[in-house]
Amino acid sequence: MNSTLEAMAQALFKSWFVDFDPVIDKALAAGNPIPKPLQARAEIRKTLGDQRKPIPDDQQLLPNHFVHTDEMGWVRYFGWLGD
């Protein structure tokens, strides 16, 4: 059971913080542009169609677009954190 929980936690972490799946999903829904380095992942997300689960209401604070920084490259934009 521990290894199953660990695998689930790793998959969730990778989805959210490495692949940016929730942000890509929100950007696609909002019609916002997807940065070139993330377009392949966005195409994968598009092919899932209705299999993608909508983001729960309590997670609507997640951003729906990306910004580029010289220091970190493409990052999720949290406008509510300030510029």
PDB file of N, CA and C in Angstrom:
ATOM      1  N   MET A   1       0.819  -1.180   0.000  1.00  0.00           N
ATOM      2  CA  MET A   1       0.000   0.000   0.000  1.00  0.00           C
ATOM      3  C   MET A   1       0.873   1.258   0.000  1.00  0.00           C
ATOM      4  N   ASN A   2       1.968   1.231   0.741  1.00  0.00           N
ATOM      5  CA  ASN A   2       2.860   2.388   0.769  1.00  0.00           C
ATOM      6  C   ASN A   2       3.436   2.688  -0.602  1.00  0.00           C
ATOM      7  N   SER A   3       3.828   1.656  -1.335  1.00  0.00           N
ATOM      8  CA  SER A   3       4.412   1.910  -2.663  1.00  0.00           C
ATOM      9  C   SER A   3       3.354   2.465  -3.620  1.00  0.00           C
ATOM     10  N   THR A   4       2.104   2.024  -3.479  1.00  0.00           N
ATOM     11  CA  THR A   4       1.030   2.564  -4.314  1.00  0.00           C
ATOM     12  C   THR A   4       0.800   4.036  -4.004  1.00  0.00           C
ATOM     13  N   LEU A   5       0.744   4.385  -2.733  1.00  0.00           N
ATOM     14  CA  LEU A   5       0.561   5.778  -2.344  1.00  0.00           C
ATOM     15  C   LEU A   5       1.731   6.645  -2.795  1.00  0.00           C
ATOM     16  N   GLU A   6       2.929   6.129  -2.677  1.00  0.00           N
ATOM     17  CA  GLU A   6       4.114   6.863  -3.122  1.00  0.00           C
ATOM     18  C   GLU A   6       4.066   7.098  -4.630  1.00  0.00           C
ATOM     19  N   ALA A   7       3.681   6.095  -5.385  1.00  0.00           N
ATOM     20  CA  ALA A   7       3.582   6.237  -6.844  1.00  0.00           C
ATOM     21  C   ALA A   7       2.512   7.260  -7.213  1.00  0.00           C
ATOM     22  N   MET A   8       1.396   7.255  -6.514  1.00  0.00           N
ATOM     23  CA  MET A   8       0.340   8.232  -6.768  1.00  0.00           C
ATOM     24  C   MET A   8       0.817   9.647  -6.454  1.00  0.00           C
ATOM     25  N   ALA A   9       1.512   9.821  -5.358  1.00  0.00           N
ATOM     26  CA  ALA A   9       2.027  11.129  -4.978  1.00  0.00           C
ATOM     27  C   ALA A   9       3.043  11.631  -5.999  1.00  0.00           C
ATOM     28  N   GLN A  10       3.919  10.753  -6.459  1.00  0.00           N
ATOM     29  CA  GLN A  10       4.907  11.150  -7.464  1.00  0.00           C
ATOM     30  C   GLN A  10       4.240  11.533  -8.776  1.00  0.00           C
ATOM     31  N   ALA A  11       3.222  10.779  -9.174  1.00  0.00           N
ATOM     32  CA  ALA A  11       2.514  11.086 -10.421  1.00  0.00           C
ATOM     33  C   ALA A  11       1.794  12.430 -10.317  1.00  0.00           C
ATOM     34  N   LEU A  12       1.169  12.691  -9.186  1.00  0.00           N
ATOM     35  CA  LEU A  12       0.484  13.965  -8.992  1.00  0.00           C
ATOM     36  C   LEU A  12       1.469  15.130  -8.993  1.00  0.00           C
ATOM     37  N   PHE A  13       2.583  14.980  -8.288  1.00  0.00           N
ATOM     38  CA  PHE A  13       3.604  16.021  -8.257  1.00  0.00           C
ATOM     39  C   PHE A  13       4.114  16.320  -9.660  1.00  0.00           C
ATOM     40  N   LYS A  14       4.435  15.279 -10.423  1.00  0.00           N
ATOM     41  CA  LYS A  14       4.936  15.469 -11.787  1.00  0.00           C
ATOM     42  C   LYS A  14       3.897  16.158 -12.665  1.00  0.00           C
ATOM     43  N   SER A  15       2.656  15.739 -12.555  1.00  0.00           N
ATOM     44  CA  SER A  15       1.587  16.327 -13.359  1.00  0.00           C
ATOM     45  C   SER A  15       1.435  17.816 -13.079  1.00  0.00           C
ATOM     46  N   TRP A  16       1.444  18.188 -11.820  1.00  0.00           N
ATOM     47  CA  TRP A  16       1.187  19.581 -11.458  1.00  0.00           C
ATOM     48  C   TRP A  16       2.414  20.472 -11.564  1.00  0.00           C
ATOM     49  N   PHE A  17       3.577  19.993 -11.101  1.00  0.00           N
ATOM     50  CA  PHE A  17       4.723  20.870 -10.938  1.00  0.00           C
ATOM     51  C   PHE A  17       5.835  20.684 -11.964  1.00  0.00           C
ATOM     52  N   VAL A  18       5.757  19.650 -12.765  1.00  0.00           N
ATOM     53  CA  VAL A  18       6.748  19.441 -13.831  1.00  0.00           C
ATOM     54  C   VAL A  18       6.091  19.627 -15.192  1.00  0.00           C
ATOM     55  N   ASP A  19       4.946  18.958 -15.381  1.00  0.00           N
ATOM     56  CA  ASP A  19       4.250  19.026 -16.671  1.00  0.00           C
ATOM     57  C   ASP A  19       3.230  20.157 -16.742  1.00  0.00           C
ATOM     58  N   PHE A  20       2.905  20.791 -15.624  1.00  0.00           N
ATOM     59  CA  PHE A  20       1.961  21.922 -15.561  1.00  0.00           C
ATOM     60  C   PHE A  20       0.577  21.570 -16.097  1.00  0.00           C
ATOM     61  N   ASP A  21       0.117  20.344 -15.942  1.00  0.00           N
ATOM     62  CA  ASP A  21      -1.157  19.928 -16.529  1.00  0.00           C
ATOM     63  C   ASP A  21      -2.342  20.820 -16.161  1.00  0.00           C
ATOM     64  N   PRO A  22      -2.563  21.178 -14.886  1.00  0.00           N
ATOM     65  CA  PRO A  22      -3.722  22.015 -14.588  1.00  0.00           C
ATOM     66  C   PRO A  22      -3.649  23.389 -15.258  1.00  0.00           C
ATOM     67  N   VAL A  23      -2.456  23.959 -15.322  1.00  0.00           N
ATOM     68  CA  VAL A  23      -2.303  25.279 -15.936  1.00  0.00           C
ATOM     69  C   VAL A  23      -2.506  25.177 -17.451  1.00  0.00           C
ATOM     70  N   ILE A  24      -1.967  24.137 -18.063  1.00  0.00           N
ATOM     71  CA  ILE A  24      -2.179  23.929 -19.491  1.00  0.00           C
ATOM     72  C   ILE A  24      -3.666  23.751 -19.774  1.00  0.00           C
ATOM     73  N   ASP A  25      -4.355  22.959 -18.968  1.00  0.00           N
ATOM     74  CA  ASP A  25      -5.793  22.754 -19.161  1.00  0.00           C
ATOM     75  C   ASP A  25      -6.551  24.076 -19.056  1.00  0.00           C
ATOM     76  N   LYS A  26      -6.211  24.884 -18.054  1.00  0.00           N
ATOM     77  CA  LYS A  26      -6.896  26.167 -17.892  1.00  0.00           C
ATOM     78  C   LYS A  26      -6.554  27.116 -19.023  1.00  0.00           C
ATOM     79  N   ALA A  27      -5.297  27.118 -19.475  1.00  0.00           N
ATOM     80  CA  ALA A  27      -4.901  27.989 -20.583  1.00  0.00           C
ATOM     81  C   ALA A  27      -5.630  27.591 -21.863  1.00  0.00           C
ATOM     82  N   LEU A  28      -5.741  26.295 -22.105  1.00  0.00           N
ATOM     83  CA  LEU A  28      -6.473  25.825 -23.283  1.00  0.00           C
ATOM     84  C   LEU A  28      -7.937  26.248 -23.213  1.00  0.00           C
ATOM     85  N   ALA A  29      -8.547  26.091 -22.041  1.00  0.00           N
ATOM     86  CA  ALA A  29      -9.955  26.453 -21.878  1.00  0.00           C
ATOM     87  C   ALA A  29     -10.173  27.950 -22.050  1.00  0.00           C
ATOM     88  N   ALA A  30      -9.203  28.751 -21.623  1.00  0.00           N
ATOM     89  CA  ALA A  30      -9.314  30.202 -21.719  1.00  0.00           C
ATOM     90  C   ALA A  30      -8.901  30.720 -23.095  1.00  0.00           C
ATOM     91  N   GLY A  31      -8.311  29.846 -23.926  1.00  0.00           N
ATOM     92  CA  GLY A  31      -7.847  30.278 -25.235  1.00  0.00           C
ATOM     93  C   GLY A  31      -6.539  31.040 -25.186  1.00  0.00           C
ATOM     94  N   ASN A  32      -5.796  30.899 -24.092  1.00  0.00           N
ATOM     95  CA  ASN A  32      -4.509  31.577 -23.964  1.00  0.00           C
ATOM     96  C   ASN A  32      -3.424  30.796 -24.696  1.00  0.00           C
ATOM     97  N   PRO A  33      -2.389  31.494 -25.161  1.00  0.00           N
ATOM     98  CA  PRO A  33      -1.324  30.804 -25.890  1.00  0.00           C
ATOM     99  C   PRO A  33      -0.516  29.884 -24.979  1.00  0.00           C
ATOM    100  N   ILE A  34      -0.029  28.823 -25.584  1.00  0.00           N
ATOM    101  CA  ILE A  34       0.829  27.863 -24.884  1.00  0.00           C
ATOM    102  C   ILE A  34       2.256  28.093 -25.386  1.00  0.00           C
ATOM    103  N   PRO A  35       3.225  28.273 -24.483  1.00  0.00           N
ATOM    104  CA  PRO A  35       4.613  28.465 -24.910  1.00  0.00           C
ATOM    105  C   PRO A  35       5.103  27.277 -25.745  1.00  0.00           C
ATOM    106  N   LYS A  36       5.961  27.576 -26.693  1.00  0.00           N
ATOM    107  CA  LYS A  36       6.472  26.542 -27.601  1.00  0.00           C
ATOM    108  C   LYS A  36       7.022  25.319 -26.871  1.00  0.00           C
ATOM    109  N   PRO A  37       7.831  25.492 -25.798  1.00  0.00           N
ATOM    110  CA  PRO A  37       8.357  24.304 -25.115  1.00  0.00           C
ATOM    111  C   PRO A  37       7.280  23.433 -24.479  1.00  0.00           C
ATOM    112  N   LEU A  38       6.075  23.970 -24.272  1.00  0.00           N
ATOM    113  CA  LEU A  38       5.009  23.216 -23.631  1.00  0.00           C
ATOM    114  C   LEU A  38       3.923  22.777 -24.606  1.00  0.00           C
ATOM    115  N   GLN A  39       4.082  23.088 -25.887  1.00  0.00           N
ATOM    116  CA  GLN A  39       3.048  22.773 -26.866  1.00  0.00           C
ATOM    117  C   GLN A  39       2.852  21.271 -27.054  1.00  0.00           C
ATOM    118  N   ALA A  40       3.911  20.500 -26.990  1.00  0.00           N
ATOM    119  CA  ALA A  40       3.769  19.046 -27.135  1.00  0.00           C
ATOM    120  C   ALA A  40       2.911  18.492 -25.995  1.00  0.00           C
ATOM    121  N   ARG A  41       3.141  18.979 -24.786  1.00  0.00           N
ATOM    122  CA  ARG A  41       2.339  18.527 -23.643  1.00  0.00           C
ATOM    123  C   ARG A  41       0.888  18.985 -23.806  1.00  0.00           C
ATOM    124  N   ALA A  42       0.695  20.196 -24.324  1.00  0.00           N
ATOM    125  CA  ALA A  42      -0.656  20.706 -24.550  1.00  0.00           C
ATOM    126  C   ALA A  42      -1.400  19.844 -25.568  1.00  0.00           C
ATOM    127  N   GLU A  43      -0.710  19.387 -26.595  1.00  0.00           N
ATOM    128  CA  GLU A  43      -1.345  18.512 -27.588  1.00  0.00           C
ATOM    129  C   GLU A  43      -1.780  17.191 -26.953  1.00  0.00           C
ATOM    130  N   ILE A  44      -0.949  16.668 -26.060  1.00  0.00           N
ATOM    131  CA  ILE A  44      -1.311  15.438 -25.346  1.00  0.00           C
ATOM    132  C   ILE A  44      -2.552  15.690 -24.504  1.00  0.00           C
ATOM    133  N   ARG A  45      -2.589  16.828 -23.814  1.00  0.00           N
ATOM    134  CA  ARG A  45      -3.748  17.158 -22.975  1.00  0.00           C
ATOM    135  C   ARG A  45      -5.002  17.311 -23.827  1.00  0.00           C
ATOM    136  N   LYS A  46      -4.860  17.910 -25.023  1.00  0.00           N
ATOM    137  CA  LYS A  46      -6.020  18.078 -25.908  1.00  0.00           C
ATOM    138  C   LYS A  46      -6.594  16.736 -26.330  1.00  0.00           C
ATOM    139  N   THR A  47      -5.724  15.771 -26.607  1.00  0.00           N
ATOM    140  CA  THR A  47      -6.203  14.469 -27.083  1.00  0.00           C
ATOM    141  C   THR A  47      -6.996  13.713 -26.016  1.00  0.00           C
ATOM    142  N   LEU A  48      -6.812  14.065 -24.755  1.00  0.00           N
ATOM    143  CA  LEU A  48      -7.561  13.407 -23.684  1.00  0.00           C
ATOM    144  C   LEU A  48      -9.028  13.803 -23.699  1.00  0.00           C
ATOM    145  N   GLY A  49      -9.331  14.976 -24.248  1.00  0.00           N
ATOM    146  CA  GLY A  49     -10.713  15.429 -24.361  1.00  0.00           C
ATOM    147  C   GLY A  49     -11.462  15.369 -23.051  1.00  0.00           C
ATOM    148  N   ASP A  50     -12.586  14.655 -23.040  1.00  0.00           N
ATOM    149  CA  ASP A  50     -13.444  14.581 -21.862  1.00  0.00           C
ATOM    150  C   ASP A  50     -12.832  13.758 -20.729  1.00  0.00           C
ATOM    151  N   GLN A  51     -11.743  13.071 -20.993  1.00  0.00           N
ATOM    152  CA  GLN A  51     -11.090  12.299 -19.928  1.00  0.00           C
ATOM    153  C   GLN A  51     -10.403  13.226 -18.916  1.00  0.00           C
ATOM    154  N   ARG A  52     -10.099  14.461 -19.346  1.00  0.00           N
ATOM    155  CA  ARG A  52      -9.507  15.417 -18.410  1.00  0.00           C
ATOM    156  C   ARG A  52     -10.583  15.807 -17.409  1.00  0.00           C
ATOM    157  N   LYS A  53     -10.256  15.712 -16.164  1.00  0.00           N
ATOM    158  CA  LYS A  53     -11.218  16.083 -15.132  1.00  0.00           C
ATOM    159  C   LYS A  53     -11.166  17.597 -14.935  1.00  0.00           C
ATOM    160  N   PRO A  54     -12.329  18.237 -14.797  1.00  0.00           N
ATOM    161  CA  PRO A  54     -12.312  19.680 -14.548  1.00  0.00           C
ATOM    162  C   PRO A  54     -11.647  19.992 -13.217  1.00  0.00           C
ATOM    163  N   ILE A  55     -11.038  21.153 -13.146  1.00  0.00           N
ATOM    164  CA  ILE A  55     -10.372  21.567 -11.924  1.00  0.00           C
ATOM    165  C   ILE A  55     -11.439  21.921 -10.894  1.00  0.00           C
ATOM    166  N   PRO A  56     -11.338  21.358  -9.686  1.00  0.00           N
ATOM    167  CA  PRO A  56     -12.333  21.654  -8.647  1.00  0.00           C
ATOM    168  C   PRO A  56     -12.390  23.148  -8.330  1.00  0.00           C
ATOM    169  N   ASP A  57     -13.539  23.603  -7.873  1.00  0.00           N
ATOM    170  CA  ASP A  57     -13.737  25.020  -7.570  1.00  0.00           C
ATOM    171  C   ASP A  57     -12.715  25.557  -6.580  1.00  0.00           C
ATOM    172  N   ASP A  58     -12.290  24.735  -5.626  1.00  0.00           N
ATOM    173  CA  ASP A  58     -11.355  25.221  -4.620  1.00  0.00           C
ATOM    174  C   ASP A  58      -9.944  25.392  -5.169  1.00  0.00           C
ATOM    175  N   GLN A  59      -9.722  25.013  -6.420  1.00  0.00           N
ATOM    176  CA  GLN A  59      -8.402  25.168  -7.034  1.00  0.00           C
ATOM    177  C   GLN A  59      -8.440  26.162  -8.189  1.00  0.00           C
ATOM    178  N   GLN A  60      -9.450  26.993  -8.242  1.00  0.00           N
ATOM    179  CA  GLN A  60      -9.585  27.938  -9.334  1.00  0.00           C
ATOM    180  C   GLN A  60      -8.552  29.058  -9.270  1.00  0.00           C
ATOM    181  N   LEU A  61      -7.800  29.156  -8.185  1.00  0.00           N
ATOM    182  CA  LEU A  61      -6.757  30.171  -8.101  1.00  0.00           C
ATOM    183  C   LEU A  61      -5.539  29.824  -8.945  1.00  0.00           C
ATOM    184  N   LEU A  62      -5.510  28.612  -9.471  1.00  0.00           N
ATOM    185  CA  LEU A  62      -4.396  28.252 -10.346  1.00  0.00           C
ATOM    186  C   LEU A  62      -4.398  29.171 -11.562  1.00  0.00           C
ATOM    187  N   PRO A  63      -3.233  29.543 -12.049  1.00  0.00           N
ATOM    188  CA  PRO A  63      -3.167  30.460 -13.195  1.00  0.00           C
ATOM    189  C   PRO A  63      -3.634  29.794 -14.484  1.00  0.00           C
ATOM    190  N   ASN A  64      -3.914  30.643 -15.495  1.00  0.00           N
ATOM    191  CA  ASN A  64      -4.333  30.113 -16.792  1.00  0.00           C
ATOM    192  C   ASN A  64      -3.419  30.574 -17.917  1.00  0.00           C
ATOM    193  N   HIS A  65      -2.225  31.032 -17.545  1.00  0.00           N
ATOM    194  CA  HIS A  65      -1.240  31.373 -18.570  1.00  0.00           C
ATOM    195  C   HIS A  65       0.170  31.355 -17.977  1.00  0.00           C
ATOM    196  N   PHE A  66       1.132  31.456 -18.867  1.00  0.00           N
ATOM    197  CA  PHE A  66       2.546  31.363 -18.503  1.00  0.00           C
ATOM    198  C   PHE A  66       3.253  32.672 -18.799  1.00  0.00           C
ATOM    199  N   VAL A  67       4.343  32.918 -18.104  1.00  0.00           N
ATOM    200  CA  VAL A  67       5.234  34.043 -18.404  1.00  0.00           C
ATOM    201  C   VAL A  67       6.656  33.496 -18.483  1.00  0.00           C
ATOM    202  N   HIS A  68       7.503  34.195 -19.215  1.00  0.00           N
ATOM    203  CA  HIS A  68       8.898  33.768 -19.358  1.00  0.00           C
ATOM    204  C   HIS A  68       9.788  34.667 -18.516  1.00  0.00           C
ATOM    205  N   THR A  69      10.671  34.051 -17.753  1.00  0.00           N
ATOM    206  CA  THR A  69      11.658  34.807 -16.990  1.00  0.00           C
ATOM    207  C   THR A  69      13.045  34.357 -17.432  1.00  0.00           C
ATOM    208  N   ASP A  70      13.982  35.280 -17.418  1.00  0.00           N
ATOM    209  CA  ASP A  70      15.354  34.937 -17.795  1.00  0.00           C
ATOM    210  C   ASP A  70      15.957  33.924 -16.821  1.00  0.00           C
ATOM    211  N   GLU A  71      15.573  34.033 -15.572  1.00  0.00           N
ATOM    212  CA  GLU A  71      16.151  33.184 -14.543  1.00  0.00           C
ATOM    213  C   GLU A  71      15.610  31.757 -14.565  1.00  0.00           C
ATOM    214  N   MET A  72      14.287  31.609 -14.823  1.00  0.00           N
ATOM    215  CA  MET A  72      13.664  30.295 -14.681  1.00  0.00           C
ATOM    216  C   MET A  72      13.017  29.768 -15.953  1.00  0.00           C
ATOM    217  N   GLY A  73      13.004  30.526 -17.025  1.00  0.00           N
ATOM    218  CA  GLY A  73      12.324  30.077 -18.246  1.00  0.00           C
ATOM    219  C   GLY A  73      10.827  30.262 -18.117  1.00  0.00           C
ATOM    220  N   TRP A  74      10.032  29.370 -18.695  1.00  0.00           N
ATOM    221  CA  TRP A  74       8.576  29.468 -18.641  1.00  0.00           C
ATOM    222  C   TRP A  74       8.079  29.021 -17.282  1.00  0.00           C
ATOM    223  N   VAL A  75       7.299  29.876 -16.659  1.00  0.00           N
ATOM    224  CA  VAL A  75       6.723  29.571 -15.357  1.00  0.00           C
ATOM    225  C   VAL A  75       5.238  29.902 -15.371  1.00  0.00           C
ATOM    226  N   ARG A  76       4.515  29.292 -14.463  1.00  0.00           N
ATOM    227  CA  ARG A  76       3.097  29.618 -14.305  1.00  0.00           C
ATOM    228  C   ARG A  76       3.007  31.012 -13.729  1.00  0.00           C
ATOM    229  N   TYR A  77       2.066  31.790 -14.215  1.00  0.00           N
ATOM    230  CA  TYR A  77       1.916  33.158 -13.765  1.00  0.00           C
ATOM    231  C   TYR A  77       0.867  33.247 -12.655  1.00  0.00           C
ATOM    232  N   PHE A  78       1.294  33.594 -11.482  1.00  0.00           N
ATOM    233  CA  PHE A  78       0.376  33.803 -10.369  1.00  0.00           C
ATOM    234  C   PHE A  78       0.210  35.306 -10.170  1.00  0.00           C
ATOM    235  N   GLY A  79      -0.705  35.908 -10.916  1.00  0.00           N
ATOM    236  CA  GLY A  79      -0.920  37.337 -10.835  1.00  0.00           C
ATOM    237  C   GLY A  79      -1.266  37.815  -9.436  1.00  0.00           C
ATOM    238  N   TRP A  80      -1.925  36.961  -8.668  1.00  0.00           N
ATOM    239  CA  TRP A  80      -2.317  37.354  -7.327  1.00  0.00           C
ATOM    240  C   TRP A  80      -1.138  37.409  -6.377  1.00  0.00           C
ATOM    241  N   LEU A  81       0.049  36.919  -6.794  1.00  0.00           N
ATOM    242  CA  LEU A  81       1.251  37.028  -5.973  1.00  0.00           C
ATOM    243  C   LEU A  81       1.995  38.317  -6.242  1.00  0.00           C
ATOM    244  N   GLY A  82       1.584  39.069  -7.254  1.00  0.00           N
ATOM    245  CA  GLY A  82       2.269  40.281  -7.637  1.00  0.00           C
ATOM    246  C   GLY A  82       3.215  40.029  -8.793  1.00  0.00           C
ATOM    247  N   ASP A  83       3.654  41.093  -9.427  1.00  0.00           N
ATOM    248  CA  ASP A  83       4.517  40.936 -10.617  1.00  0.00           C
ATOM    249  C   ASP A  83       5.974  40.880 -10.270  1.00  0.00           C
TER     250      ASP A  83
END
